[in-house]
Structures are given as structure tokens and as C-alpha cells.
């Protein structure tokens, strides 16, 4: 065999070996952009998904709604790449209206009520009626809330119902994690935010769940981002998160599974 043929044959062998040693799902690399409300169950479920499918997932965070560059909508508009988004239904509706979502891929995953976060070790608070909630928040030195879906609801729907909204010293933060951090650091007496974010935030505990008259049972949903080249893998991830097998992790994260719903 000539030297040219031997070199060509060796090159082919090297190429074949390289291809055979690549991960089977090397092409399936998903990017997820999500808000904090579903992050507890998601962090429990993701390792099982990656292990069972061979699909690797990179996750970034953003706010469901609000203003500023940290929102999921603003990040996508600025060119951030994502194959799947997970956020509040209200935030997802904004993305659908903006043409950012692949038609028919929206799927509800879980819902969680609004609660009050108190500093770890602090007494629980009575927020089970409108009047008791009013006493708690008006007597607080300061109250924090995320500037996303839940905080917008508190500002626009809850506080006006108290009749003395101006007495509540409300401080909004870009994300729920910052609202909880203010309580943990003693910079706010309590935070009003989704229970699912409270139960896994460091330095705080669930102090109580808001009265039903003031409640927002916030639904978190997933959808495929329009234009992704990982449509099949994205659909598989969403189906996994919405499956019956995910129910235990969802409940342990302060949420309740919801029947998958598509528009």
C-alpha cells in the first residue's frame, strides 16, 4: 500500500473512532431560561431527566415579568438563546403575544399560593384573614416583594384592598431571591412571594399563607421557544416535567401539579 493510501486509511480510522466515542445525544444540548417559582422541583427533577435521556441541559434564570434587563422577555429580546422557557402563566402570555413561543407548546406544570416569608427562627404570622394580614403588613417596618408576577399582583390587587396601602412600606426587588434575602438579612420584616420560592430560600421560613380573598394561585408553565433547532428534545423535557412521575418533586417544592393545559 502506498504511503498516501496508508495515510488516508489512518485518517478514516481516527475519524470513525472519534465519531463512535461522541456522546449519543451530543446534538441534544438544551438551554432553559426560567424564573424562580418552579426552580425547587426543577432542580430535583433535572438530574433524572439528563440521566434517562442523555440530553444535557444548561439553565439560566430570569424574572417572569417586570421591568429591566433581567426579565425573560428582555433577555430573549436582547438575543439570549433559549430552547425552553419556564415561568408564570402571565409572563408566558407576554411571550406568546410577542411571538417568542412555538405555537401550541405551552404546558402548565404546577401552581403555588402566595405566602409570607419570615426570618429563619422567627415566629409564624397570622395572615389567614384579610384583617390579620392587614395588621401584619401595616405593623411591619418594611415588606419586600419580587417585582415580577407576584409582586405586581400584591401592589395592584392586594394592597389596595386593605384601604391603607400607603401605610405598607413595600420594597420591590427584581427577583424573589432578592426579596427573601432582604428578610434573611434583617432588611425587611417579611416578604410576600410564592410559597414555592420561600420553602427553598436560605435564611427564611414560611410564616403563613395568605387569606384566600387575597390569594393568587400562581401557575407556572413551560413552552418551547420559537425557532429552536432542538424541538424534539425541548418537547421531551416539558413532557417529563409535566408527567405523573414529577408529582412528588413538585409537591415537595411547595407546589401542586396541574393538569397539562394547552391553548
Protein backbone atom coordinates (compact mmCIF):
# COMPACT_ATOMS: atom_id res chain seq x y z
CA UNK A 1 0.00 0.00 0.00
CA UNK A 2 1.34 3.43 -0.90
CA UNK A 3 2.12 5.99 1.79
CA UNK A 4 -0.77 8.16 0.55
CA UNK A 5 -3.25 5.29 0.88
CA UNK A 6 -1.91 4.35 4.32
CA UNK A 7 -2.28 7.97 5.48
CA UNK A 8 -5.83 8.18 4.14
CA UNK A 9 -6.79 4.91 5.80
CA UNK A 10 -5.35 6.05 9.11
CA UNK A 11 -7.28 9.30 8.87
CA UNK A 12 -10.52 7.41 8.27
CA UNK A 13 -9.89 5.17 11.30
CA UNK A 14 -9.22 8.19 13.51
CA UNK A 15 -12.41 9.86 12.28
CA UNK A 16 -14.54 6.77 12.87
CA UNK A 17 -13.14 6.27 16.38
CA UNK A 18 -13.80 9.92 17.18
CA UNK A 19 -17.39 9.65 16.00
CA UNK A 20 -18.02 6.46 17.95
CA UNK A 21 -16.76 7.98 21.17
CA UNK A 22 -19.02 11.03 20.96
CA UNK A 23 -21.99 11.03 23.40
CA UNK A 24 -25.05 9.54 21.75
CA UNK A 25 -27.05 12.72 22.32
CA UNK A 26 -24.27 15.17 21.64
CA UNK A 27 -26.60 17.15 19.37
CA UNK A 28 -29.24 17.43 22.11
CA UNK A 29 -27.95 20.28 24.24
CA UNK A 30 -30.85 22.24 25.68
CA UNK A 31 -30.82 25.75 27.08
CA UNK A 32 -33.56 26.58 29.59
CA UNK A 33 -34.43 30.08 30.77
CA UNK A 34 -36.63 30.03 33.86
CA UNK A 35 -37.99 32.05 36.76
CA UNK A 36 -37.59 31.10 40.40
CA UNK A 37 -41.11 29.85 41.11
CA UNK A 38 -40.54 26.38 39.66
CA UNK A 39 -36.84 26.12 40.44
CA UNK A 40 -37.19 23.88 43.50
CA UNK A 41 -38.94 20.99 41.71
CA UNK A 42 -36.86 21.60 38.58
CA UNK A 43 -33.56 21.15 40.44
CA UNK A 44 -34.82 17.85 41.87
CA UNK A 45 -36.09 16.54 38.55
CA UNK A 46 -33.39 17.64 36.11
CA UNK A 47 -30.71 15.06 37.05
CA UNK A 48 -33.18 12.21 36.39
CA UNK A 49 -34.09 13.70 33.02
CA UNK A 50 -30.48 14.08 31.95
CA UNK A 51 -29.59 10.59 33.16
CA UNK A 52 -32.56 8.87 31.49
CA UNK A 53 -32.37 10.69 28.15
CA UNK A 54 -28.69 11.58 27.72
CA UNK A 55 -29.79 15.14 26.96
CA UNK A 56 -27.67 17.77 28.68
CA UNK A 57 -29.37 20.93 29.91
CA UNK A 58 -27.91 24.34 30.70
CA UNK A 59 -30.12 26.58 32.82
CA UNK A 60 -30.22 30.36 33.20
CA UNK A 61 -32.60 32.47 35.25
CA UNK A 62 -34.83 35.46 34.68
CA UNK A 63 -37.95 37.13 36.07
CA UNK A 64 -41.37 36.14 34.69
CA UNK A 65 -42.48 39.75 34.40
CA UNK A 66 -41.47 43.24 35.43
CA UNK A 67 -39.05 45.78 34.09
CA UNK A 68 -35.35 45.78 33.47
CA UNK A 69 -32.91 43.54 31.62
CA UNK A 70 -33.31 40.59 33.99
CA UNK A 71 -36.78 39.61 32.77
CA UNK A 72 -37.05 36.59 30.50
CA UNK A 73 -38.76 38.69 27.83
CA UNK A 74 -35.98 41.29 27.90
CA UNK A 75 -33.27 38.64 27.74
CA UNK A 76 -34.84 36.98 24.70
CA UNK A 77 -35.31 40.36 23.03
CA UNK A 78 -31.63 41.11 23.63
CA UNK A 79 -30.62 37.93 21.80
CA UNK A 80 -30.22 35.43 24.65
CA UNK A 81 -30.53 31.87 23.37
CA UNK A 82 -33.07 29.53 24.93
CA UNK A 83 -34.88 26.42 23.74
CA UNK A 84 -37.35 26.22 26.63
CA UNK A 85 -38.79 28.81 29.00
CA UNK A 86 -40.42 28.12 32.36
CA UNK A 87 -42.24 30.99 34.01
CA UNK A 88 -45.58 32.26 35.30
CA UNK A 89 -48.60 31.94 33.03
CA UNK A 90 -48.85 35.73 32.99
CA UNK A 91 -45.27 36.06 31.81
CA UNK A 92 -45.77 33.32 29.23
CA UNK A 93 -48.77 35.17 27.85
CA UNK A 94 -46.49 38.17 27.29
CA UNK A 95 -44.04 35.99 25.36
CA UNK A 96 -46.81 34.47 23.24
CA UNK A 97 -48.06 37.95 22.36
CA UNK A 98 -44.51 38.93 21.40
CA UNK A 99 -44.21 35.93 19.05
CA UNK A 100 -41.45 34.30 21.10
CA UNK A 101 -43.16 30.94 21.66
CA UNK A 102 -43.65 27.99 19.29
CA UNK A 103 -47.39 27.75 18.74
CA UNK A 104 -49.16 25.06 20.76
CA UNK A 105 -46.25 24.16 23.05
CA UNK A 106 -47.43 25.90 26.24
CA UNK A 107 -47.91 23.40 29.07
CA UNK A 108 -48.90 24.08 32.66
CA UNK A 109 -46.66 22.37 35.21
CA UNK A 110 -47.64 23.38 38.75
CA UNK A 111 -49.24 26.05 40.87
CA UNK A 112 -48.38 27.61 44.21
CA UNK A 113 -50.10 30.12 46.51
CA UNK A 114 -48.72 33.35 47.88
CA UNK A 115 -47.17 33.20 51.32
CA UNK A 116 -45.22 35.31 53.76
CA UNK A 117 -41.54 34.67 54.36
CA UNK A 118 -40.11 35.42 57.81
CA UNK A 119 -36.55 35.22 59.02
CA UNK A 120 -35.47 31.68 59.97
CA UNK A 121 -36.37 31.07 63.61
CA UNK A 122 -38.83 33.97 63.81
CA UNK A 123 -42.43 33.34 64.96
CA UNK A 124 -45.08 32.48 62.39
CA UNK A 125 -47.52 35.24 61.46
CA UNK A 126 -51.30 35.21 61.16
CA UNK A 127 -52.20 36.18 57.61
CA UNK A 128 -55.17 33.83 57.25
CA UNK A 129 -57.77 36.61 57.09
CA UNK A 130 -57.82 39.99 55.39
CA UNK A 131 -57.82 41.82 58.72
CA UNK A 132 -54.99 39.79 60.23
CA UNK A 133 -52.92 40.21 57.07
CA UNK A 134 -53.55 43.95 57.19
CA UNK A 135 -52.31 44.12 60.80
CA UNK A 136 -49.16 42.17 59.97
CA UNK A 137 -48.11 44.18 56.93
CA UNK A 138 -49.02 47.62 58.33
CA UNK A 139 -47.11 46.92 61.55
CA UNK A 140 -44.02 45.71 59.70
CA UNK A 141 -41.10 48.10 59.43
CA UNK A 142 -40.76 47.07 55.79
CA UNK A 143 -42.14 44.43 53.45
CA UNK A 144 -40.31 43.08 50.42
CA UNK A 145 -41.78 41.52 47.30
CA UNK A 146 -40.40 40.50 43.91
CA UNK A 147 -41.04 42.93 41.08
CA UNK A 148 -42.35 40.09 38.94
CA UNK A 149 -45.83 38.50 38.67
CA UNK A 150 -46.48 38.01 42.39
CA UNK A 151 -45.19 41.43 43.39
CA UNK A 152 -47.22 43.13 40.66
CA UNK A 153 -50.32 41.34 41.99
CA UNK A 154 -49.55 42.38 45.57
CA UNK A 155 -49.02 46.00 44.56
CA UNK A 156 -52.00 46.30 42.23
CA UNK A 157 -54.55 43.90 43.73
CA UNK A 158 -53.76 43.07 47.36
CA UNK A 159 -52.62 46.30 48.99
CA UNK A 160 -55.41 48.45 47.52
CA UNK A 161 -57.94 46.13 49.18
CA UNK A 162 -56.55 46.97 52.61
CA UNK A 163 -57.70 50.57 52.44
CA UNK A 164 -54.42 51.83 53.89
CA UNK A 165 -51.97 50.76 51.21
CA UNK A 166 -49.80 53.81 51.83
CA UNK A 167 -49.08 52.52 55.35
CA UNK A 168 -47.31 49.45 53.96
CA UNK A 169 -43.63 50.14 53.40
CA UNK A 170 -43.26 47.93 50.35
CA UNK A 171 -39.85 47.39 48.76
CA UNK A 172 -39.72 45.57 45.46
CA UNK A 173 -36.73 43.64 44.19
CA UNK A 174 -36.01 42.30 40.69
CA UNK A 175 -36.40 38.65 41.76
CA UNK A 176 -37.90 36.61 44.58
CA UNK A 177 -34.46 35.51 45.71
CA UNK A 178 -33.56 39.12 46.48
CA UNK A 179 -36.84 39.69 48.34
CA UNK A 180 -36.14 36.65 50.54
CA UNK A 181 -32.54 37.76 51.04
CA UNK A 182 -33.75 41.08 52.46
CA UNK A 183 -35.68 39.21 55.12
CA UNK A 184 -32.78 36.87 55.88
CA UNK A 185 -30.50 39.90 56.33
CA UNK A 186 -32.97 41.75 58.55
CA UNK A 187 -33.54 44.47 55.95
CA UNK A 188 -37.26 43.61 55.77
CA UNK A 189 -39.55 42.06 58.38
CA UNK A 190 -41.27 39.83 55.86
CA UNK A 191 -41.60 39.11 52.16
CA UNK A 192 -44.74 38.34 50.18
CA UNK A 193 -43.97 35.87 47.43
CA UNK A 194 -44.81 32.41 46.05
CA UNK A 195 -44.62 29.64 48.65
CA UNK A 196 -42.52 27.58 46.24
CA UNK A 197 -39.79 30.23 46.39
CA UNK A 198 -39.98 30.63 50.16
CA UNK A 199 -39.53 26.98 51.07
CA UNK A 200 -36.10 26.65 49.48
CA UNK A 201 -34.74 30.18 50.02
CA UNK A 202 -31.84 30.30 52.51
CA UNK A 203 -32.32 32.13 55.80
CA UNK A 204 -36.11 32.34 55.71
CA UNK A 205 -39.10 30.19 56.59
CA UNK A 206 -42.74 30.08 55.56
CA UNK A 207 -44.52 32.28 58.08
CA UNK A 208 -48.02 31.79 56.71
CA UNK A 209 -50.19 31.53 53.60
CA UNK A 210 -52.31 34.50 52.52
CA UNK A 211 -56.06 34.55 53.03
CA UNK A 212 -57.98 33.14 50.08
CA UNK A 213 -59.60 36.53 49.45
CA UNK A 214 -56.12 37.96 48.77
CA UNK A 215 -54.69 34.91 47.09
CA UNK A 216 -53.04 34.38 43.74
CA UNK A 217 -52.63 30.68 42.96
CA UNK A 218 -49.78 31.27 40.57
CA UNK A 219 -49.44 28.79 37.72
CA UNK A 220 -46.01 28.10 36.28
CA UNK A 221 -45.79 26.78 32.75
CA UNK A 222 -43.22 25.69 30.19
CA UNK A 223 -43.06 26.29 26.45
CA UNK A 224 -40.73 25.84 23.51
CA UNK A 225 -39.07 29.00 22.22
CA UNK A 226 -39.87 29.80 18.60
CA UNK A 227 -37.07 28.98 16.16
CA UNK A 228 -35.25 26.42 18.30
CA UNK A 229 -33.36 23.68 16.49
CA UNK A 230 -33.92 21.34 19.45
CA UNK A 231 -37.68 20.93 19.16
CA UNK A 232 -37.81 17.21 19.96
CA UNK A 233 -35.52 17.46 22.99
CA UNK A 234 -37.41 20.53 24.21
CA UNK A 235 -40.72 18.70 23.97
CA UNK A 236 -39.24 15.73 25.84
CA UNK A 237 -38.12 17.93 28.72
CA UNK A 238 -41.52 19.60 29.04
CA UNK A 239 -43.33 16.25 28.91
CA UNK A 240 -41.01 14.93 31.64
CA UNK A 241 -41.68 17.93 33.91
CA UNK A 242 -45.44 17.60 33.36
CA UNK A 243 -45.55 13.82 33.85
CA UNK A 244 -47.11 11.95 36.78
CA UNK A 245 -43.60 10.94 37.80
CA UNK A 246 -42.78 14.57 38.58
CA UNK A 247 -45.64 14.99 41.07
CA UNK A 248 -43.70 14.05 44.19
CA UNK A 249 -40.88 16.51 43.49
CA UNK A 250 -43.42 19.21 42.67
CA UNK A 251 -45.26 18.72 45.96
CA UNK A 252 -42.05 18.67 47.97
CA UNK A 253 -41.23 22.04 46.41
CA UNK A 254 -44.32 23.76 47.82
CA UNK A 255 -46.42 23.35 44.68
CA UNK A 256 -49.26 21.25 43.34
CA UNK A 257 -49.17 19.59 39.91
CA UNK A 258 -51.74 20.83 37.44
CA UNK A 259 -53.25 19.03 34.52
CA UNK A 260 -51.28 19.90 31.41
CA UNK A 261 -53.12 22.59 29.51
CA UNK A 262 -52.53 23.96 26.07
CA UNK A 263 -54.34 26.84 24.39
